[in-house]
Amino acid sequence: MRFSDSIDIVLATSFLQEFVEARRAAGLNNTPPCLWSHTPPPELKGISTDSLSANAGFVTFVIFPRHVEGQKLDRTVWSLSTFHAYVSYHVKVGH
């Protein structure tokens, strides 16, 4: 994820850190684990990240079979594909 505005960067960083921590709350322990980092995940090893600036970060969700069983597949794909818009919305509302 990348944000260009300095305020957006700070808000997005805080939001994503809280998002990662929220999984520890009661009732959310069955959600996919979420990781956030300024460095690329191991799965991207060997892929050039030279074009990324300091305002980029990487969000990783760990999807298990239970997250995509039956009718959960559509909801999971939708949630992952719209995650950037979700974060962007909350960052913009936060100003």
C-alpha atoms as a PDB file:
ATOM      1  CA  MET A   1       0.000   0.000   0.000  1.00  0.00           C
ATOM      2  CA  ARG A   2       1.247   3.458  -0.773  1.00  0.00           C
ATOM      3  CA  PHE A   3       0.067   6.865   0.377  1.00  0.00           C
ATOM      4  CA  SER A   4       1.546  10.110  -0.900  1.00  0.00           C
ATOM      5  CA  ASP A   5       0.281  12.690   1.588  1.00  0.00           C
ATOM      6  CA  SER A   6       2.365  12.886   4.780  1.00  0.00           C
ATOM      7  CA  ILE A   7      -0.735  12.976   6.996  1.00  0.00           C
ATOM      8  CA  ASP A   8      -2.190   9.975   5.141  1.00  0.00           C
ATOM      9  CA  ILE A   9       1.053   8.062   5.711  1.00  0.00           C
ATOM     10  CA  VAL A  10       0.898   8.628   9.463  1.00  0.00           C
ATOM     11  CA  LEU A  11      -2.806   7.801   9.681  1.00  0.00           C
ATOM     12  CA  ALA A  12      -2.474   4.707   7.479  1.00  0.00           C
ATOM     13  CA  THR A  13       0.477   3.434   9.502  1.00  0.00           C
ATOM     14  CA  SER A  14      -1.458   3.860  12.736  1.00  0.00           C
ATOM     15  CA  PHE A  15      -4.635   2.357  11.254  1.00  0.00           C
ATOM     16  CA  LEU A  16      -2.812  -0.691   9.901  1.00  0.00           C
ATOM     17  CA  GLN A  17      -0.951  -1.267  13.164  1.00  0.00           C
ATOM     18  CA  GLU A  18      -4.265  -1.168  15.025  1.00  0.00           C
ATOM     19  CA  PHE A  19      -5.823  -3.446  12.399  1.00  0.00           C
ATOM     20  CA  VAL A  20      -3.096  -6.031  13.037  1.00  0.00           C
ATOM     21  CA  GLU A  21      -3.581  -5.758  16.816  1.00  0.00           C
ATOM     22  CA  ALA A  22      -7.388  -5.962  16.615  1.00  0.00           C
ATOM     23  CA  ARG A  23      -7.234  -9.659  15.783  1.00  0.00           C
ATOM     24  CA  ARG A  24      -6.245 -10.307  19.391  1.00  0.00           C
ATOM     25  CA  ALA A  25      -9.649  -9.074  20.564  1.00  0.00           C
ATOM     26  CA  ALA A  26     -12.263 -11.596  21.605  1.00  0.00           C
ATOM     27  CA  GLY A  27     -14.437 -12.630  18.703  1.00  0.00           C
ATOM     28  CA  LEU A  28     -11.880 -11.802  16.012  1.00  0.00           C
ATOM     29  CA  ASN A  29      -9.493 -14.698  16.586  1.00  0.00           C
ATOM     30  CA  ASN A  30     -10.951 -16.645  13.614  1.00  0.00           C
ATOM     31  CA  THR A  31     -10.168 -13.880  11.128  1.00  0.00           C
ATOM     32  CA  PRO A  32      -7.179 -14.262   8.817  1.00  0.00           C
ATOM     33  CA  PRO A  33      -3.925 -13.224  10.476  1.00  0.00           C
ATOM     34  CA  CYS A  34      -2.793  -9.838   9.196  1.00  0.00           C
ATOM     35  CA  LEU A  35       0.763  -8.540   9.093  1.00  0.00           C
ATOM     36  CA  TRP A  36       2.002  -5.076   8.181  1.00  0.00           C
ATOM     37  CA  SER A  37       5.573  -4.055   7.501  1.00  0.00           C
ATOM     38  CA  HIS A  38       7.704  -1.535   5.630  1.00  0.00           C
ATOM     39  CA  THR A  39       9.720  -4.442   4.228  1.00  0.00           C
ATOM     40  CA  PRO A  40       8.395  -6.893   1.647  1.00  0.00           C
ATOM     41  CA  PRO A  41       7.241 -10.311   2.876  1.00  0.00           C
ATOM     42  CA  PRO A  42       9.414 -13.377   2.129  1.00  0.00           C
ATOM     43  CA  GLU A  43       7.044 -14.333  -0.713  1.00  0.00           C
ATOM     44  CA  LEU A  44       8.311 -11.305  -2.651  1.00  0.00           C
ATOM     45  CA  LYS A  45      11.977 -12.211  -2.239  1.00  0.00           C
ATOM     46  CA  GLY A  46      13.774 -11.631  -5.522  1.00  0.00           C
ATOM     47  CA  ILE A  47      11.210  -9.142  -6.823  1.00  0.00           C
ATOM     48  CA  SER A  48      12.627  -5.666  -7.305  1.00  0.00           C
ATOM     49  CA  THR A  49      11.239  -3.190  -4.792  1.00  0.00           C
ATOM     50  CA  ASP A  50      13.663  -0.421  -5.793  1.00  0.00           C
ATOM     51  CA  SER A  51      10.834   1.671  -7.209  1.00  0.00           C
ATOM     52  CA  LEU A  52       9.123   1.828  -3.823  1.00  0.00           C
ATOM     53  CA  SER A  53       9.619   4.906  -1.735  1.00  0.00           C
ATOM     54  CA  ALA A  54       9.587   5.263   2.030  1.00  0.00           C
ATOM     55  CA  ASN A  55       5.817   5.784   2.007  1.00  0.00           C
ATOM     56  CA  ALA A  56       5.096   2.187   0.987  1.00  0.00           C
ATOM     57  CA  GLY A  57       4.166  -0.693   3.228  1.00  0.00           C
ATOM     58  CA  PHE A  58       3.161  -4.299   2.773  1.00  0.00           C
ATOM     59  CA  VAL A  59      -0.001  -5.875   4.146  1.00  0.00           C
ATOM     60  CA  THR A  60      -0.107  -9.658   4.275  1.00  0.00           C
ATOM     61  CA  PHE A  61      -3.138 -11.791   5.078  1.00  0.00           C
ATOM     62  CA  VAL A  62      -2.700 -15.477   5.827  1.00  0.00           C
ATOM     63  CA  ILE A  63      -5.658 -17.309   4.301  1.00  0.00           C
ATOM     64  CA  PHE A  64      -6.452 -20.799   5.575  1.00  0.00           C
ATOM     65  CA  PRO A  65      -8.904 -23.273   4.025  1.00  0.00           C
ATOM     66  CA  ARG A  66     -11.509 -22.352   6.663  1.00  0.00           C
ATOM     67  CA  HIS A  67     -11.556 -18.802   5.269  1.00  0.00           C
ATOM     68  CA  VAL A  68     -12.594 -19.934   1.799  1.00  0.00           C
ATOM     69  CA  GLU A  69     -14.827 -22.941   2.485  1.00  0.00           C
ATOM     70  CA  GLY A  70     -18.217 -22.980   0.809  1.00  0.00           C
ATOM     71  CA  GLN A  71     -19.799 -19.565   0.542  1.00  0.00           C
ATOM     72  CA  LYS A  72     -16.940 -17.877   2.420  1.00  0.00           C
ATOM     73  CA  LEU A  73     -14.829 -17.743  -0.761  1.00  0.00           C
ATOM     74  CA  ASP A  74     -16.775 -14.868  -2.346  1.00  0.00           C
ATOM     75  CA  ARG A  75     -16.756 -12.813   0.852  1.00  0.00           C
ATOM     76  CA  THR A  76     -13.042 -13.400   1.410  1.00  0.00           C
ATOM     77  CA  VAL A  77     -12.112 -12.466  -2.173  1.00  0.00           C
ATOM     78  CA  TRP A  78     -14.288  -9.344  -1.971  1.00  0.00           C
ATOM     79  CA  SER A  79     -12.765  -8.277   1.346  1.00  0.00           C
ATOM     80  CA  LEU A  80      -9.209  -8.729   0.100  1.00  0.00           C
ATOM     81  CA  SER A  81      -9.813  -7.029  -3.233  1.00  0.00           C
ATOM     82  CA  THR A  82     -11.407  -3.964  -1.621  1.00  0.00           C
ATOM     83  CA  PHE A  83      -9.024  -3.698   1.343  1.00  0.00           C
ATOM     84  CA  HIS A  84      -7.029  -0.776  -0.094  1.00  0.00           C
ATOM     85  CA  ALA A  85     -10.228   1.212  -0.652  1.00  0.00           C
ATOM     86  CA  TYR A  86     -11.351   0.334   2.905  1.00  0.00           C
ATOM     87  CA  VAL A  87      -8.096   1.615   4.404  1.00  0.00           C
ATOM     88  CA  SER A  88      -8.074   4.709   2.165  1.00  0.00           C
ATOM     89  CA  TYR A  89     -11.620   5.577   3.211  1.00  0.00           C
ATOM     90  CA  HIS A  90     -10.784   5.352   6.906  1.00  0.00           C
ATOM     91  CA  VAL A  91      -7.579   7.350   6.450  1.00  0.00           C
ATOM     92  CA  LYS A  92      -9.462  10.150   4.641  1.00  0.00           C
ATOM     93  CA  VAL A  93     -12.267  10.162   7.222  1.00  0.00           C
ATOM     94  CA  GLY A  94      -9.592  10.386   9.937  1.00  0.00           C
ATOM     95  CA  HIS A  95      -8.397  13.821   8.879  1.00  0.00           C
END
